[in-house]
Amino acid sequence: MAKDNCQDTAKSIDQTTKMIDETEQSNDPARMRDALGQARKSPAEMKNHMDMCMNMMDMMEKMHGKGRKKQ
């Protein structure tokens, strides 16, 4: 699951970068505003993926820690 999230995030970054490059070349102000709006969404989506991954890792650490005896 974490690998899928990382791949989705990388794909999103690539798509956003391509969209920004194409929009920049078009020199169309309306298209640039739309691209900026989309570019602002990408970091929020990435943060959500990262938060989900961190929560999963925390849960796994807690699960593995419960079965061990403290010495």
PDB file of N, CA and C in Angstrom:
ATOM      1  N   MET A   1       0.820  -1.193   0.000  1.00  0.00           N
ATOM      2  CA  MET A   1       0.000   0.000   0.000  1.00  0.00           C
ATOM      3  C   MET A   1       0.868   1.262   0.000  1.00  0.00           C
ATOM      4  N   ALA A   2       1.904   1.288   0.834  1.00  0.00           N
ATOM      5  CA  ALA A   2       2.776   2.459   0.894  1.00  0.00           C
ATOM      6  C   ALA A   2       3.474   2.668  -0.447  1.00  0.00           C
ATOM      7  N   LYS A   3       3.870   1.556  -1.084  1.00  0.00           N
ATOM      8  CA  LYS A   3       4.534   1.654  -2.383  1.00  0.00           C
ATOM      9  C   LYS A   3       3.582   2.258  -3.414  1.00  0.00           C
ATOM     10  N   ASP A   4       2.315   1.830  -3.381  1.00  0.00           N
ATOM     11  CA  ASP A   4       1.313   2.379  -4.302  1.00  0.00           C
ATOM     12  C   ASP A   4       1.131   3.871  -4.075  1.00  0.00           C
ATOM     13  N   ASN A   5       1.080   4.286  -2.802  1.00  0.00           N
ATOM     14  CA  ASN A   5       0.932   5.701  -2.494  1.00  0.00           C
ATOM     15  C   ASN A   5       2.118   6.507  -3.014  1.00  0.00           C
ATOM     16  N   CYS A   6       3.316   5.957  -2.855  1.00  0.00           N
ATOM     17  CA  CYS A   6       4.511   6.641  -3.349  1.00  0.00           C
ATOM     18  C   CYS A   6       4.482   6.752  -4.873  1.00  0.00           C
ATOM     19  N   GLN A   7       4.053   5.686  -5.540  1.00  0.00           N
ATOM     20  CA  GLN A   7       3.973   5.719  -6.996  1.00  0.00           C
ATOM     21  C   GLN A   7       2.914   6.721  -7.457  1.00  0.00           C
ATOM     22  N   ASP A   8       1.783   6.761  -6.767  1.00  0.00           N
ATOM     23  CA  ASP A   8       0.733   7.727  -7.104  1.00  0.00           C
ATOM     24  C   ASP A   8       1.226   9.152  -6.914  1.00  0.00           C
ATOM     25  N   THR A   9       1.955   9.377  -5.836  1.00  0.00           N
ATOM     26  CA  THR A   9       2.481  10.710  -5.557  1.00  0.00           C
ATOM     27  C   THR A   9       3.502  11.119  -6.616  1.00  0.00           C
ATOM     28  N   ALA A  10       4.389  10.210  -6.983  1.00  0.00           N
ATOM     29  CA  ALA A  10       5.388  10.508  -8.013  1.00  0.00           C
ATOM     30  C   ALA A  10       4.708  10.819  -9.346  1.00  0.00           C
ATOM     31  N   LYS A  11       3.671  10.059  -9.675  1.00  0.00           N
ATOM     32  CA  LYS A  11       2.922  10.288 -10.917  1.00  0.00           C
ATOM     33  C   LYS A  11       2.251  11.661 -10.885  1.00  0.00           C
ATOM     34  N   SER A  12       1.681  12.018  -9.753  1.00  0.00           N
ATOM     35  CA  SER A  12       1.031  13.317  -9.598  1.00  0.00           C
ATOM     36  C   SER A  12       2.028  14.453  -9.767  1.00  0.00           C
ATOM     37  N   ILE A  13       3.211  14.297  -9.199  1.00  0.00           N
ATOM     38  CA  ILE A  13       4.257  15.312  -9.336  1.00  0.00           C
ATOM     39  C   ILE A  13       4.650  15.464 -10.800  1.00  0.00           C
ATOM     40  N   ASP A  14       4.831  14.345 -11.490  1.00  0.00           N
ATOM     41  CA  ASP A  14       5.200  14.388 -12.910  1.00  0.00           C
ATOM     42  C   ASP A  14       4.123  15.079 -13.742  1.00  0.00           C
ATOM     43  N   GLN A  15       2.853  14.744 -13.471  1.00  0.00           N
ATOM     44  CA  GLN A  15       1.750  15.351 -14.225  1.00  0.00           C
ATOM     45  C   GLN A  15       1.666  16.853 -13.961  1.00  0.00           C
ATOM     46  N   THR A  16       1.844  17.242 -12.711  1.00  0.00           N
ATOM     47  CA  THR A  16       1.787  18.661 -12.364  1.00  0.00           C
ATOM     48  C   THR A  16       2.927  19.422 -13.025  1.00  0.00           C
ATOM     49  N   THR A  17       4.120  18.856 -12.998  1.00  0.00           N
ATOM     50  CA  THR A  17       5.278  19.495 -13.623  1.00  0.00           C
ATOM     51  C   THR A  17       5.061  19.658 -15.126  1.00  0.00           C
ATOM     52  N   LYS A  18       4.536  18.625 -15.775  1.00  0.00           N
ATOM     53  CA  LYS A  18       4.263  18.686 -17.209  1.00  0.00           C
ATOM     54  C   LYS A  18       3.222  19.753 -17.516  1.00  0.00           C
ATOM     55  N   MET A  19       2.162  19.808 -16.702  1.00  0.00           N
ATOM     56  CA  MET A  19       1.108  20.795 -16.904  1.00  0.00           C
ATOM     57  C   MET A  19       1.669  22.216 -16.751  1.00  0.00           C
ATOM     58  N   ILE A  20       2.501  22.431 -15.748  1.00  0.00           N
ATOM     59  CA  ILE A  20       3.096  23.754 -15.534  1.00  0.00           C
ATOM     60  C   ILE A  20       3.976  24.136 -16.724  1.00  0.00           C
ATOM     61  N   ASP A  21       4.797  23.205 -17.192  1.00  0.00           N
ATOM     62  CA  ASP A  21       5.669  23.480 -18.343  1.00  0.00           C
ATOM     63  C   ASP A  21       4.865  23.843 -19.583  1.00  0.00           C
ATOM     64  N   GLU A  22       3.817  23.061 -19.854  1.00  0.00           N
ATOM     65  CA  GLU A  22       2.991  23.323 -21.038  1.00  0.00           C
ATOM     66  C   GLU A  22       2.269  24.664 -20.920  1.00  0.00           C
ATOM     67  N   THR A  23       1.780  24.947 -19.732  1.00  0.00           N
ATOM     68  CA  THR A  23       1.064  26.197 -19.511  1.00  0.00           C
ATOM     69  C   THR A  23       1.997  27.388 -19.644  1.00  0.00           C
ATOM     70  N   GLU A  24       3.181  27.253 -19.114  1.00  0.00           N
ATOM     71  CA  GLU A  24       4.174  28.330 -19.201  1.00  0.00           C
ATOM     72  C   GLU A  24       4.496  28.649 -20.660  1.00  0.00           C
ATOM     73  N   GLN A  25       4.599  27.613 -21.476  1.00  0.00           N
ATOM     74  CA  GLN A  25       4.902  27.815 -22.894  1.00  0.00           C
ATOM     75  C   GLN A  25       3.729  28.452 -23.642  1.00  0.00           C
ATOM     76  N   SER A  26       2.515  28.226 -23.167  1.00  0.00           N
ATOM     77  CA  SER A  26       1.340  28.761 -23.855  1.00  0.00           C
ATOM     78  C   SER A  26       1.207  30.271 -23.671  1.00  0.00           C
ATOM     79  N   ASN A  27       1.718  30.774 -22.555  1.00  0.00           N
ATOM     80  CA  ASN A  27       1.660  32.207 -22.248  1.00  0.00           C
ATOM     81  C   ASN A  27       0.211  32.709 -22.207  1.00  0.00           C
ATOM     82  N   ASP A  28      -0.705  31.848 -21.790  1.00  0.00           N
ATOM     83  CA  ASP A  28      -2.135  32.166 -21.692  1.00  0.00           C
ATOM     84  C   ASP A  28      -2.466  32.430 -20.221  1.00  0.00           C
ATOM     85  N   PRO A  29      -2.808  33.682 -19.850  1.00  0.00           N
ATOM     86  CA  PRO A  29      -3.062  34.011 -18.433  1.00  0.00           C
ATOM     87  C   PRO A  29      -4.152  33.155 -17.776  1.00  0.00           C
ATOM     88  N   ALA A  30      -5.249  32.887 -18.479  1.00  0.00           N
ATOM     89  CA  ALA A  30      -6.325  32.075 -17.898  1.00  0.00           C
ATOM     90  C   ALA A  30      -5.835  30.649 -17.636  1.00  0.00           C
ATOM     91  N   ARG A  31      -5.106  30.122 -18.578  1.00  0.00           N
ATOM     92  CA  ARG A  31      -4.572  28.768 -18.424  1.00  0.00           C
ATOM     93  C   ARG A  31      -3.553  28.725 -17.285  1.00  0.00           C
ATOM     94  N   MET A  32      -2.785  29.809 -17.132  1.00  0.00           N
ATOM     95  CA  MET A  32      -1.808  29.873 -16.045  1.00  0.00           C
ATOM     96  C   MET A  32      -2.503  29.889 -14.683  1.00  0.00           C
ATOM     97  N   ARG A  33      -3.615  30.614 -14.557  1.00  0.00           N
ATOM     98  CA  ARG A  33      -4.362  30.634 -13.301  1.00  0.00           C
ATOM     99  C   ARG A  33      -4.877  29.234 -12.968  1.00  0.00           C
ATOM    100  N   ASP A  34      -5.404  28.546 -13.970  1.00  0.00           N
ATOM    101  CA  ASP A  34      -5.892  27.179 -13.761  1.00  0.00           C
ATOM    102  C   ASP A  34      -4.756  26.253 -13.321  1.00  0.00           C
ATOM    103  N   ALA A  35      -3.601  26.399 -13.960  1.00  0.00           N
ATOM    104  CA  ALA A  35      -2.447  25.564 -13.627  1.00  0.00           C
ATOM    105  C   ALA A  35      -1.983  25.830 -12.201  1.00  0.00           C
ATOM    106  N   LEU A  36      -1.999  27.085 -11.791  1.00  0.00           N
ATOM    107  CA  LEU A  36      -1.609  27.407 -10.415  1.00  0.00           C
ATOM    108  C   LEU A  36      -2.582  26.780  -9.418  1.00  0.00           C
ATOM    109  N   GLY A  37      -3.852  26.825  -9.742  1.00  0.00           N
ATOM    110  CA  GLY A  37      -4.844  26.198  -8.872  1.00  0.00           C
ATOM    111  C   GLY A  37      -4.598  24.709  -8.722  1.00  0.00           C
ATOM    112  N   GLN A  38      -4.311  24.051  -9.828  1.00  0.00           N
ATOM    113  CA  GLN A  38      -4.006  22.618  -9.792  1.00  0.00           C
ATOM    114  C   GLN A  38      -2.712  22.352  -9.030  1.00  0.00           C
ATOM    115  N   ALA A  39      -1.705  23.202  -9.254  1.00  0.00           N
ATOM    116  CA  ALA A  39      -0.410  23.014  -8.593  1.00  0.00           C
ATOM    117  C   ALA A  39      -0.545  23.161  -7.083  1.00  0.00           C
ATOM    118  N   ARG A  40      -1.461  23.979  -6.633  1.00  0.00           N
ATOM    119  CA  ARG A  40      -1.682  24.141  -5.192  1.00  0.00           C
ATOM    120  C   ARG A  40      -2.314  22.901  -4.574  1.00  0.00           C
ATOM    121  N   LYS A  41      -3.077  22.154  -5.343  1.00  0.00           N
ATOM    122  CA  LYS A  41      -3.716  20.940  -4.828  1.00  0.00           C
ATOM    123  C   LYS A  41      -2.703  19.819  -4.606  1.00  0.00           C
ATOM    124  N   SER A  42      -1.680  19.749  -5.447  1.00  0.00           N
ATOM    125  CA  SER A  42      -0.717  18.644  -5.381  1.00  0.00           C
ATOM    126  C   SER A  42      -0.026  18.516  -4.022  1.00  0.00           C
ATOM    127  N   PRO A  43       0.496  19.605  -3.443  1.00  0.00           N
ATOM    128  CA  PRO A  43       1.138  19.446  -2.126  1.00  0.00           C
ATOM    129  C   PRO A  43       0.167  18.947  -1.054  1.00  0.00           C
ATOM    130  N   ALA A  44      -1.077  19.388  -1.112  1.00  0.00           N
ATOM    131  CA  ALA A  44      -2.064  18.928  -0.125  1.00  0.00           C
ATOM    132  C   ALA A  44      -2.298  17.425  -0.280  1.00  0.00           C
ATOM    133  N   GLU A  45      -2.390  16.955  -1.516  1.00  0.00           N
ATOM    134  CA  GLU A  45      -2.580  15.524  -1.759  1.00  0.00           C
ATOM    135  C   GLU A  45      -1.364  14.731  -1.277  1.00  0.00           C
ATOM    136  N   MET A  46      -0.162  15.263  -1.547  1.00  0.00           N
ATOM    137  CA  MET A  46       1.051  14.584  -1.103  1.00  0.00           C
ATOM    138  C   MET A  46       1.099  14.515   0.421  1.00  0.00           C
ATOM    139  N   LYS A  47       0.705  15.594   1.085  1.00  0.00           N
ATOM    140  CA  LYS A  47       0.699  15.599   2.548  1.00  0.00           C
ATOM    141  C   LYS A  47      -0.271  14.553   3.080  1.00  0.00           C
ATOM    142  N   ASN A  48      -1.423  14.421   2.455  1.00  0.00           N
ATOM    143  CA  ASN A  48      -2.379  13.396   2.879  1.00  0.00           C
ATOM    144  C   ASN A  48      -1.785  11.999   2.742  1.00  0.00           C
ATOM    145  N   HIS A  49      -1.089  11.745   1.633  1.00  0.00           N
ATOM    146  CA  HIS A  49      -0.441  10.444   1.435  1.00  0.00           C
ATOM    147  C   HIS A  49       0.630  10.207   2.497  1.00  0.00           C
ATOM    148  N   MET A  50       1.422  11.232   2.768  1.00  0.00           N
ATOM    149  CA  MET A  50       2.484  11.098   3.766  1.00  0.00           C
ATOM    150  C   MET A  50       1.901  10.848   5.150  1.00  0.00           C
ATOM    151  N   ASP A  51       0.843  11.569   5.498  1.00  0.00           N
ATOM    152  CA  ASP A  51       0.203  11.367   6.799  1.00  0.00           C
ATOM    153  C   ASP A  51      -0.317   9.943   6.936  1.00  0.00           C
ATOM    154  N   MET A  52      -0.928   9.432   5.863  1.00  0.00           N
ATOM    155  CA  MET A  52      -1.446   8.078   5.886  1.00  0.00           C
ATOM    156  C   MET A  52      -0.303   7.065   6.075  1.00  0.00           C
ATOM    157  N   CYS A  53       0.790   7.279   5.377  1.00  0.00           N
ATOM    158  CA  CYS A  53       1.946   6.381   5.509  1.00  0.00           C
ATOM    159  C   CYS A  53       2.517   6.428   6.923  1.00  0.00           C
ATOM    160  N   MET A  54       2.626   7.623   7.475  1.00  0.00           N
ATOM    161  CA  MET A  54       3.166   7.766   8.826  1.00  0.00           C
ATOM    162  C   MET A  54       2.263   7.075   9.840  1.00  0.00           C
ATOM    163  N   ASN A  55       0.950   7.211   9.677  1.00  0.00           N
ATOM    164  CA  ASN A  55       0.017   6.546  10.583  1.00  0.00           C
ATOM    165  C   ASN A  55       0.145   5.029  10.492  1.00  0.00           C
ATOM    166  N   MET A  56       0.310   4.522   9.290  1.00  0.00           N
ATOM    167  CA  MET A  56       0.475   3.077   9.105  1.00  0.00           C
ATOM    168  C   MET A  56       1.755   2.593   9.769  1.00  0.00           C
ATOM    169  N   MET A  57       2.831   3.360   9.614  1.00  0.00           N
ATOM    170  CA  MET A  57       4.105   2.966  10.231  1.00  0.00           C
ATOM    171  C   MET A  57       3.998   2.991  11.750  1.00  0.00           C
ATOM    172  N   ASP A  58       3.322   4.004  12.285  1.00  0.00           N
ATOM    173  CA  ASP A  58       3.119   4.070  13.739  1.00  0.00           C
ATOM    174  C   ASP A  58       2.338   2.863  14.240  1.00  0.00           C
ATOM    175  N   MET A  59       1.294   2.485  13.520  1.00  0.00           N
ATOM    176  CA  MET A  59       0.490   1.331  13.922  1.00  0.00           C
ATOM    177  C   MET A  59       1.318   0.049  13.878  1.00  0.00           C
ATOM    178  N   MET A  60       2.149  -0.078  12.846  1.00  0.00           N
ATOM    179  CA  MET A  60       2.983  -1.279  12.734  1.00  0.00           C
ATOM    180  C   MET A  60       3.989  -1.353  13.874  1.00  0.00           C
ATOM    181  N   GLU A  61       4.580  -0.213  14.221  1.00  0.00           N
ATOM    182  CA  GLU A  61       5.529  -0.194  15.329  1.00  0.00           C
ATOM    183  C   GLU A  61       4.845  -0.589  16.633  1.00  0.00           C
ATOM    184  N   LYS A  62       3.645  -0.080  16.854  1.00  0.00           N
ATOM    185  CA  LYS A  62       2.909  -0.409  18.074  1.00  0.00           C
ATOM    186  C   LYS A  62       2.550  -1.891  18.112  1.00  0.00           C
ATOM    187  N   MET A  63       2.150  -2.449  16.970  1.00  0.00           N
ATOM    188  CA  MET A  63       1.785  -3.867  16.911  1.00  0.00           C
ATOM    189  C   MET A  63       2.986  -4.735  17.205  1.00  0.00           C
ATOM    190  N   HIS A  64       4.118  -4.405  16.622  1.00  0.00           N
ATOM    191  CA  HIS A  64       5.326  -5.211  16.833  1.00  0.00           C
ATOM    192  C   HIS A  64       5.860  -5.028  18.243  1.00  0.00           C
ATOM    193  N   GLY A  65       5.650  -3.879  18.821  1.00  0.00           N
ATOM    194  CA  GLY A  65       6.127  -3.618  20.176  1.00  0.00           C
ATOM    195  C   GLY A  65       5.338  -4.349  21.232  1.00  0.00           C
ATOM    196  N   LYS A  66       4.066  -4.626  20.974  1.00  0.00           N
ATOM    197  CA  LYS A  66       3.210  -5.286  21.961  1.00  0.00           C
ATOM    198  C   LYS A  66       3.639  -6.720  22.227  1.00  0.00           C
ATOM    199  N   GLY A  67       4.166  -7.392  21.233  1.00  0.00           N
ATOM    200  CA  GLY A  67       4.526  -8.800  21.387  1.00  0.00           C
ATOM    201  C   GLY A  67       5.872  -9.010  22.047  1.00  0.00           C
ATOM    202  N   ARG A  68       6.641  -7.982  22.226  1.00  0.00           N
ATOM    203  CA  ARG A  68       7.973  -8.107  22.801  1.00  0.00           C
ATOM    204  C   ARG A  68       7.935  -7.850  24.302  1.00  0.00           C
ATOM    205  N   LYS A  69       8.759  -8.613  24.997  1.00  0.00           N
ATOM    206  CA  LYS A  69       8.880  -8.392  26.453  1.00  0.00           C
ATOM    207  C   LYS A  69      10.024  -7.429  26.700  1.00  0.00           C
ATOM    208  N   LYS A  70       9.811  -6.512  27.614  1.00  0.00           N
ATOM    209  CA  LYS A  70      10.865  -5.560  27.966  1.00  0.00           C
ATOM    210  C   LYS A  70      11.876  -6.266  28.863  1.00  0.00           C
ATOM    211  N   GLN A  71      13.136  -6.000  28.608  1.00  0.00           N
ATOM    212  CA  GLN A  71      14.193  -6.635  29.423  1.00  0.00           C
ATOM    213  C   GLN A  71      14.857  -5.629  30.309  1.00  0.00           C
TER     214      GLN A  71
END
